Amino acid sequence: MTHKVLLTPKAAEDAEAIYRWIAGDAPDTAVDWYHGLLDAFESLDALPNRCPLAREARALRRDVRQLLYGNYRILFIIEGKVVRILRVRHGARRDLRRRDLEEGKPPKRPSE
């Protein structure tokens, strides 16, 4: 069974922010980390149920699952044949809260 893997805007922002933080000290390491993250995302297309429920799933009242990637947790939900990646967070950060999953207003476009 193959799933389609989609990133929410917040997950994409998380990945970019982590990449920039790592690149501040080690640009080559950041590139390798990012490519590995993309591979981890892609791995969710097959058997995403292999990943356990995240520790905050009960509090969120959603079947949020996690895939560990180094020190980071890839948090996602499965909706039929779609895997929706919600966030990418360092494992030492506090648990997600409902507001951490809400999509904010779209970013403003720069004026031309």
Protein backbone atom coordinates (compact mmCIF):
# COMPACT_ATOMS: atom_id res chain seq x y z
CA MET A 1 0.00 0.00 0.00
CA THR A 2 1.50 3.29 -1.07
CA HIS A 3 0.60 6.57 0.59
CA LYS A 4 0.95 10.10 -0.65
CA VAL A 5 3.15 12.13 1.70
CA LEU A 6 2.27 15.82 2.15
CA LEU A 7 3.91 18.49 4.29
CA THR A 8 1.91 21.15 6.04
CA PRO A 9 3.28 24.70 5.82
CA LYS A 10 4.31 24.48 9.49
CA ALA A 11 6.31 21.29 8.87
CA ALA A 12 8.06 22.95 5.91
CA GLU A 13 8.84 26.00 8.09
CA ASP A 14 10.19 23.73 10.84
CA ALA A 15 12.48 21.89 8.41
CA GLU A 16 13.78 25.13 6.93
CA ALA A 17 14.42 26.70 10.36
CA ILE A 18 16.29 23.61 11.58
CA TYR A 19 18.34 23.53 8.37
CA ARG A 20 19.30 27.21 8.78
CA TRP A 21 20.22 26.67 12.45
CA ILE A 22 22.51 23.73 11.60
CA ALA A 23 23.97 25.58 8.60
CA GLY A 24 25.01 28.45 10.86
CA ASP A 25 27.79 26.25 12.22
CA ALA A 26 28.15 23.45 9.67
CA PRO A 27 26.81 24.07 6.15
CA ASP A 28 27.82 20.64 4.81
CA THR A 29 26.24 18.89 7.77
CA ALA A 30 23.06 20.88 7.22
CA VAL A 31 22.82 19.72 3.61
CA ASP A 32 23.34 16.09 4.63
CA TRP A 33 20.78 16.45 7.43
CA TYR A 34 18.21 17.94 5.07
CA HIS A 35 18.65 15.21 2.44
CA GLY A 36 18.26 12.60 5.18
CA LEU A 37 15.11 14.34 6.39
CA LEU A 38 13.64 14.19 2.89
CA ASP A 39 14.47 10.47 2.76
CA ALA A 40 12.72 10.01 6.12
CA PHE A 41 9.64 11.82 4.78
CA GLU A 42 9.61 9.61 1.69
CA SER A 43 9.90 6.47 3.82
CA LEU A 44 6.43 7.21 5.18
CA ASP A 45 4.86 6.32 1.84
CA ALA A 46 5.12 2.64 2.82
CA LEU A 47 3.80 1.31 6.11
CA PRO A 48 3.39 4.58 8.04
CA ASN A 49 1.53 2.59 10.71
CA ARG A 50 4.89 1.08 11.69
CA CYS A 51 5.54 4.31 13.59
CA PRO A 52 4.22 4.58 17.14
CA LEU A 53 1.75 7.12 18.40
CA ALA A 54 3.45 10.29 19.62
CA ARG A 55 3.47 10.94 23.36
CA GLU A 56 1.00 13.81 22.96
CA ALA A 57 -1.55 11.90 20.86
CA ARG A 58 -3.88 11.29 23.78
CA ALA A 59 -3.88 14.94 24.90
CA LEU A 60 -4.47 16.11 21.31
CA ARG A 61 -7.20 13.48 20.83
CA ARG A 62 -5.72 12.62 17.46
CA ASP A 63 -3.70 9.67 16.25
CA VAL A 64 -0.54 11.72 15.82
CA ARG A 65 2.35 9.39 15.06
CA GLN A 66 6.07 10.02 15.12
CA LEU A 67 9.08 8.93 13.13
CA LEU A 68 12.40 9.60 14.83
CA TYR A 69 15.14 11.14 12.70
CA GLY A 70 18.28 11.70 14.74
CA ASN A 71 17.34 14.07 17.56
CA TYR A 72 14.15 15.12 15.77
CA ARG A 73 10.59 13.86 15.73
CA ILE A 74 8.61 13.91 12.51
CA LEU A 75 4.99 14.20 13.66
CA PHE A 76 2.29 13.10 11.26
CA ILE A 77 -1.23 11.76 10.85
CA ILE A 78 -2.57 9.19 8.42
CA GLU A 79 -5.73 10.13 6.56
CA GLY A 80 -6.71 7.20 4.35
CA LYS A 81 -3.92 6.96 1.79
CA VAL A 82 -2.42 10.34 2.71
CA VAL A 83 0.31 10.89 5.28
CA ARG A 84 0.19 14.50 6.44
CA ILE A 85 3.39 15.66 8.12
CA LEU A 86 2.37 18.17 10.77
CA ARG A 87 5.62 19.25 12.40
CA VAL A 88 9.33 18.50 12.70
CA ARG A 89 10.56 19.14 16.24
CA HIS A 90 13.61 18.49 18.36
CA GLY A 91 12.94 15.63 20.75
CA ALA A 92 13.83 17.74 23.79
CA ARG A 93 11.15 20.35 23.08
CA ARG A 94 7.92 20.43 25.02
CA ASP A 95 5.01 18.36 23.76
CA LEU A 96 2.83 19.75 21.01
CA ARG A 97 -0.34 21.54 21.96
CA ARG A 98 -3.40 21.90 19.82
CA ARG A 99 -2.44 25.47 18.84
CA ASP A 100 0.94 24.18 17.57
CA LEU A 101 -0.97 22.29 14.87
CA GLU A 102 -3.17 25.14 13.72
CA GLU A 103 -2.30 26.69 10.43
CA GLY A 104 -1.75 30.40 10.76
CA LYS A 105 -2.45 33.06 8.21
CA PRO A 106 -0.54 32.61 4.99
CA PRO A 107 2.61 34.73 4.79
CA LYS A 108 2.25 38.08 3.10
CA ARG A 109 3.78 38.46 -0.31
CA PRO A 110 6.52 41.02 -0.58
CA SER A 111 5.37 44.13 -2.37
CA GLU A 112 6.82 44.61 -5.80
